[in-house]
């Protein structure tokens, strides 16, 4: 997995796409490797936050169309693309905060990869494009589901139909980026957000993430019922008891995820 670098430190997993000479475009083999990393993070109790970024000057230029790994023959392409979808689903299924640190171009599936994270923090040098149709392809890696929910159907169609490149400021304005910072401050900005996430109760974060992810598919009655069930889980946790003790003792709580 030399094309992917995985670093673990103090509960933070940093996943770096490591093909800087190709703007970190994703080869056929990398789709499965990405899925494996996402599943590992989801199931490893010591992992608290995932940060996804790219080596060099790019975040991810999408699929490598030269080294796509896409098999030919009846059913081959469909099987390959279902594997791509499983990778996207594995990222979304991580019940922990995920942060995209977008240091450069995020195009095609690279855009979808960033949007699949819970938070997107971008350098002012970052650029974004749903470039698929310009390559004779349709939107994938979950982008058809993510974009309309983030920015509305009409704006999503504009980005997907015209395949224009937008800068970080415009990406923030339309709502696909949470924050834009100067390139020299990107690492510190992400570290600050990650440190804040690490201070939160892991169980409560997981429950909150799940509830918000279901917001567009649940009725109000279903949402409030899910809230009640989630709160029962929270109230039974050691973290909730620690929060109450910390409040009474006027100190910061020390959460353990228990």
Protein backbone atom coordinates (compact mmCIF):
# COMPACT_ATOMS: atom_id res chain seq x y z
CA UNK A 1 0.00 0.00 0.00
CA UNK A 2 2.82 2.42 -0.85
CA UNK A 3 0.27 4.53 -2.74
CA UNK A 4 -1.50 5.04 0.60
CA UNK A 5 0.25 6.14 3.78
CA UNK A 6 -1.48 5.48 7.10
CA UNK A 7 -0.16 7.16 10.25
CA UNK A 8 -1.66 6.69 13.69
CA UNK A 9 -0.93 9.04 16.57
CA UNK A 10 -2.88 9.65 19.77
CA UNK A 11 -6.20 8.49 18.36
CA UNK A 12 -5.81 10.31 15.04
CA UNK A 13 -5.45 8.35 11.80
CA UNK A 14 -3.98 10.32 8.90
CA UNK A 15 -4.56 8.71 5.51
CA UNK A 16 -2.44 10.25 2.77
CA UNK A 17 -2.93 9.46 -0.90
CA UNK A 18 0.67 9.13 -2.02
CA UNK A 19 0.97 9.60 -5.78
CA UNK A 20 2.02 13.24 -5.89
CA UNK A 21 3.36 13.00 -9.45
CA UNK A 22 -0.17 12.00 -10.58
CA UNK A 23 -1.98 14.46 -8.30
CA UNK A 24 -2.88 11.42 -6.18
CA UNK A 25 -5.21 9.92 -8.77
CA UNK A 26 -6.60 6.57 -7.66
CA UNK A 27 -5.55 3.37 -9.40
CA UNK A 28 -7.72 0.29 -9.69
CA UNK A 29 -5.92 -1.41 -6.82
CA UNK A 30 -6.27 1.60 -4.54
CA UNK A 31 -10.07 1.41 -4.39
CA UNK A 32 -9.88 -1.82 -2.42
CA UNK A 33 -7.02 -0.52 -0.30
CA UNK A 34 -9.03 2.57 0.61
CA UNK A 35 -11.97 0.42 1.62
CA UNK A 36 -9.71 -1.71 3.81
CA UNK A 37 -8.36 1.37 5.60
CA UNK A 38 -11.86 2.74 6.18
CA UNK A 39 -13.11 -0.58 7.59
CA UNK A 40 -10.04 -0.79 9.82
CA UNK A 41 -10.61 2.70 11.22
CA UNK A 42 -14.29 1.95 11.78
CA UNK A 43 -13.52 -1.14 13.86
CA UNK A 44 -10.36 -0.06 15.72
CA UNK A 45 -11.35 1.21 19.18
CA UNK A 46 -8.18 3.27 19.49
CA UNK A 47 -8.96 5.31 16.36
CA UNK A 48 -10.94 8.44 17.21
CA UNK A 49 -10.66 10.70 14.14
CA UNK A 50 -9.73 10.09 10.49
CA UNK A 51 -7.99 12.79 8.43
CA UNK A 52 -7.79 12.25 4.65
CA UNK A 53 -5.33 14.25 2.58
CA UNK A 54 -3.01 14.08 -0.42
CA UNK A 55 0.75 14.22 -0.82
CA UNK A 56 2.38 17.08 -2.70
CA UNK A 57 0.31 19.79 -4.39
CA UNK A 58 -2.91 17.85 -4.94
CA UNK A 59 -5.63 16.28 -2.83
CA UNK A 60 -6.93 13.81 -5.41
CA UNK A 61 -7.47 14.23 -9.15
CA UNK A 62 -9.96 11.35 -9.24
CA UNK A 63 -9.57 7.96 -10.86
CA UNK A 64 -6.42 7.18 -12.80
CA UNK A 65 -7.95 6.51 -16.22
CA UNK A 66 -4.70 4.95 -17.48
CA UNK A 67 -4.25 2.56 -14.56
CA UNK A 68 -7.93 2.10 -13.76
CA UNK A 69 -7.74 -1.64 -13.14
CA UNK A 70 -11.16 -1.91 -14.79
CA UNK A 71 -11.62 -5.39 -16.27
CA UNK A 72 -13.08 -5.88 -19.71
CA UNK A 73 -15.78 -8.33 -20.67
CA UNK A 74 -19.39 -8.95 -19.72
CA UNK A 75 -20.07 -7.86 -16.17
CA UNK A 76 -16.48 -6.84 -15.52
CA UNK A 77 -17.02 -3.12 -15.52
CA UNK A 78 -20.10 -3.36 -13.32
CA UNK A 79 -18.28 -5.50 -10.79
CA UNK A 80 -15.41 -3.02 -10.72
CA UNK A 81 -17.70 -0.05 -10.20
CA UNK A 82 -19.57 -1.84 -7.44
CA UNK A 83 -16.20 -2.21 -5.73
CA UNK A 84 -15.68 1.54 -6.09
CA UNK A 85 -19.10 2.05 -4.49
CA UNK A 86 -18.20 -0.24 -1.60
CA UNK A 87 -15.13 1.90 -0.94
CA UNK A 88 -17.29 5.04 -0.83
CA UNK A 89 -19.79 3.32 1.47
CA UNK A 90 -17.02 2.20 3.82
CA UNK A 91 -15.96 5.83 4.29
CA UNK A 92 -19.51 6.90 5.03
CA UNK A 93 -20.02 3.98 7.43
CA UNK A 94 -17.20 5.08 9.74
CA UNK A 95 -18.98 5.97 12.98
CA UNK A 96 -16.30 8.50 13.92
CA UNK A 97 -15.52 12.03 12.72
CA UNK A 98 -13.77 12.21 9.36
CA UNK A 99 -11.99 15.31 8.08
CA UNK A 100 -10.84 16.05 4.53
CA UNK A 101 -7.72 18.21 4.47
CA UNK A 102 -7.84 19.53 0.91
CA UNK A 103 -4.45 20.90 0.00
CA UNK A 104 -4.92 21.16 -3.77
CA UNK A 105 -7.08 19.91 -6.62
CA UNK A 106 -10.05 17.69 -5.71
CA UNK A 107 -11.62 16.52 -8.96
CA UNK A 108 -13.96 13.73 -10.00
CA UNK A 109 -13.88 10.96 -7.44
CA UNK A 110 -11.42 13.12 -5.50
CA UNK A 111 -14.21 15.65 -5.01
CA UNK A 112 -16.55 12.86 -3.91
CA UNK A 113 -13.88 11.55 -1.53
CA UNK A 114 -13.63 14.96 0.14
CA UNK A 115 -17.40 15.38 0.33
CA UNK A 116 -17.74 11.92 1.84
CA UNK A 117 -15.93 13.19 4.92
CA UNK A 118 -17.84 14.90 7.72
CA UNK A 119 -15.83 18.10 7.57
CA UNK A 120 -13.91 19.65 4.67
CA UNK A 121 -11.13 22.14 5.43
CA UNK A 122 -9.38 23.55 2.39
CA UNK A 123 -6.33 25.55 1.51
CA UNK A 124 -6.97 28.76 -0.38
CA UNK A 125 -5.05 27.09 -3.23
CA UNK A 126 -7.54 24.20 -3.47
CA UNK A 127 -9.65 23.71 -6.56
CA UNK A 128 -12.77 21.58 -6.99
CA UNK A 129 -14.43 20.04 -10.02
CA UNK A 130 -17.05 17.39 -10.78
CA UNK A 131 -15.17 16.75 -13.98
CA UNK A 132 -16.78 13.40 -14.87
CA UNK A 133 -18.77 14.33 -18.01
CA UNK A 134 -15.74 16.03 -19.49
CA UNK A 135 -14.12 12.59 -19.42
CA UNK A 136 -17.18 10.89 -20.89
CA UNK A 137 -18.20 9.53 -17.48
CA UNK A 138 -21.02 10.07 -14.99
CA UNK A 139 -20.63 11.08 -11.38
CA UNK A 140 -19.56 8.34 -8.95
CA UNK A 141 -17.98 7.51 -5.57
CA UNK A 142 -21.19 8.65 -3.91
CA UNK A 143 -21.13 12.09 -5.49
CA UNK A 144 -24.64 11.77 -6.94
CA UNK A 145 -25.96 11.28 -3.40
CA UNK A 146 -23.72 13.76 -1.61
CA UNK A 147 -23.79 16.83 -3.85
CA UNK A 148 -27.58 17.43 -3.93
CA UNK A 149 -27.79 17.05 -0.17
CA UNK A 150 -25.03 19.57 0.37
CA UNK A 151 -25.92 22.25 -2.17
CA UNK A 152 -29.34 21.42 -3.64
CA UNK A 153 -30.27 19.65 -6.85
CA UNK A 154 -29.99 22.61 -9.24
CA UNK A 155 -26.54 23.66 -8.06
CA UNK A 156 -25.40 20.04 -8.08
CA UNK A 157 -26.54 19.72 -11.69
CA UNK A 158 -24.67 22.87 -12.60
CA UNK A 159 -21.41 21.51 -11.19
CA UNK A 160 -21.93 18.05 -12.69
CA UNK A 161 -23.20 19.16 -16.13
CA UNK A 162 -20.68 21.93 -16.79
CA UNK A 163 -17.66 20.30 -15.10
CA UNK A 164 -16.28 23.72 -14.26
CA UNK A 165 -13.39 24.23 -11.85
CA UNK A 166 -14.27 26.34 -8.82
CA UNK A 167 -11.87 27.85 -6.32
CA UNK A 168 -11.89 27.32 -2.57
CA UNK A 169 -13.77 30.53 -1.86
CA UNK A 170 -16.64 29.57 -4.15
CA UNK A 171 -16.65 26.04 -2.71
CA UNK A 172 -17.07 27.53 0.75
CA UNK A 173 -19.79 29.91 -0.45
CA UNK A 174 -21.95 27.16 -1.92
CA UNK A 175 -21.44 24.84 1.03
CA UNK A 176 -19.11 22.02 0.01
CA UNK A 177 -16.28 23.33 2.18
CA UNK A 178 -16.53 24.16 5.88
CA UNK A 179 -13.50 26.42 6.13
CA UNK A 180 -10.86 27.93 3.85
CA UNK A 181 -7.50 28.93 5.28
CA UNK A 182 -4.20 30.15 3.81
CA UNK A 183 -2.11 27.26 2.50
CA UNK A 184 0.59 27.85 5.11
CA UNK A 185 -2.01 27.51 7.89
CA UNK A 186 -3.81 24.38 6.65
CA UNK A 187 -1.99 21.90 8.89
CA UNK A 188 -2.53 24.00 12.00
CA UNK A 189 -6.19 24.62 11.15
CA UNK A 190 -6.89 20.90 10.75
CA UNK A 191 -4.92 20.07 13.90
CA UNK A 192 -7.04 22.56 15.85
CA UNK A 193 -10.30 21.01 14.62
CA UNK A 194 -9.04 17.47 15.28
CA UNK A 195 -7.93 18.39 18.80
CA UNK A 196 -11.40 19.78 19.47
CA UNK A 197 -12.98 16.56 18.21
CA UNK A 198 -10.71 14.52 20.45
CA UNK A 199 -12.04 16.43 23.46
CA UNK A 200 -15.60 15.30 22.73
CA UNK A 201 -17.30 12.12 23.96
CA UNK A 202 -16.78 9.42 21.29
CA UNK A 203 -20.13 7.70 21.87
CA UNK A 204 -22.04 10.97 21.71
CA UNK A 205 -20.17 11.97 18.55
CA UNK A 206 -21.01 8.65 16.91
CA UNK A 207 -24.69 8.94 17.85
CA UNK A 208 -24.82 12.54 16.63
CA UNK A 209 -23.16 11.64 13.33
CA UNK A 210 -25.63 8.82 12.75
CA UNK A 211 -28.64 11.02 13.50
CA UNK A 212 -27.50 13.78 11.16
CA UNK A 213 -26.65 11.31 8.39
CA UNK A 214 -30.25 10.04 8.51
CA UNK A 215 -31.77 13.52 8.44
CA UNK A 216 -32.84 13.46 4.79
CA UNK A 217 -34.34 9.97 4.83
CA UNK A 218 -36.19 9.93 8.17
CA UNK A 219 -39.58 11.44 8.98
CA UNK A 220 -39.77 13.81 11.93
CA UNK A 221 -41.36 11.08 14.02
CA UNK A 222 -38.61 8.64 13.04
CA UNK A 223 -35.95 11.24 13.81
CA UNK A 224 -37.27 11.98 17.30
CA UNK A 225 -37.59 8.26 18.03
CA UNK A 226 -33.99 7.75 16.90
CA UNK A 227 -32.94 10.68 19.09
CA UNK A 228 -34.59 9.06 22.08
CA UNK A 229 -32.87 5.73 21.46
CA UNK A 230 -29.51 7.46 20.98
CA UNK A 231 -29.93 9.44 24.19
CA UNK A 232 -30.61 6.24 26.12
CA UNK A 233 -27.27 4.92 24.90
CA UNK A 234 -25.53 8.16 25.87
CA UNK A 235 -27.12 8.33 29.31
CA UNK A 236 -25.94 4.81 30.05
CA UNK A 237 -22.34 5.60 29.20
CA UNK A 238 -19.48 6.32 31.57
CA UNK A 239 -18.72 9.38 29.45
CA UNK A 240 -22.08 10.94 30.37
CA UNK A 241 -21.42 10.30 34.06
CA UNK A 242 -17.95 11.81 33.67
CA UNK A 243 -19.48 14.88 32.01
CA UNK A 244 -21.82 15.35 34.98
CA UNK A 245 -18.95 14.98 37.45
CA UNK A 246 -16.81 17.43 35.50
CA UNK A 247 -19.66 19.94 35.39
CA UNK A 248 -20.15 19.70 39.15
CA UNK A 249 -16.42 19.96 39.81
CA UNK A 250 -15.98 22.84 37.32
CA UNK A 251 -13.33 21.07 35.23
CA UNK A 252 -12.99 19.73 31.69
CA UNK A 253 -14.27 16.17 31.26
CA UNK A 254 -11.90 13.34 30.35
CA UNK A 255 -13.80 11.08 27.96
CA UNK A 256 -12.77 7.48 27.31
CA UNK A 257 -15.46 6.22 24.96
CA UNK A 258 -16.92 3.91 27.61
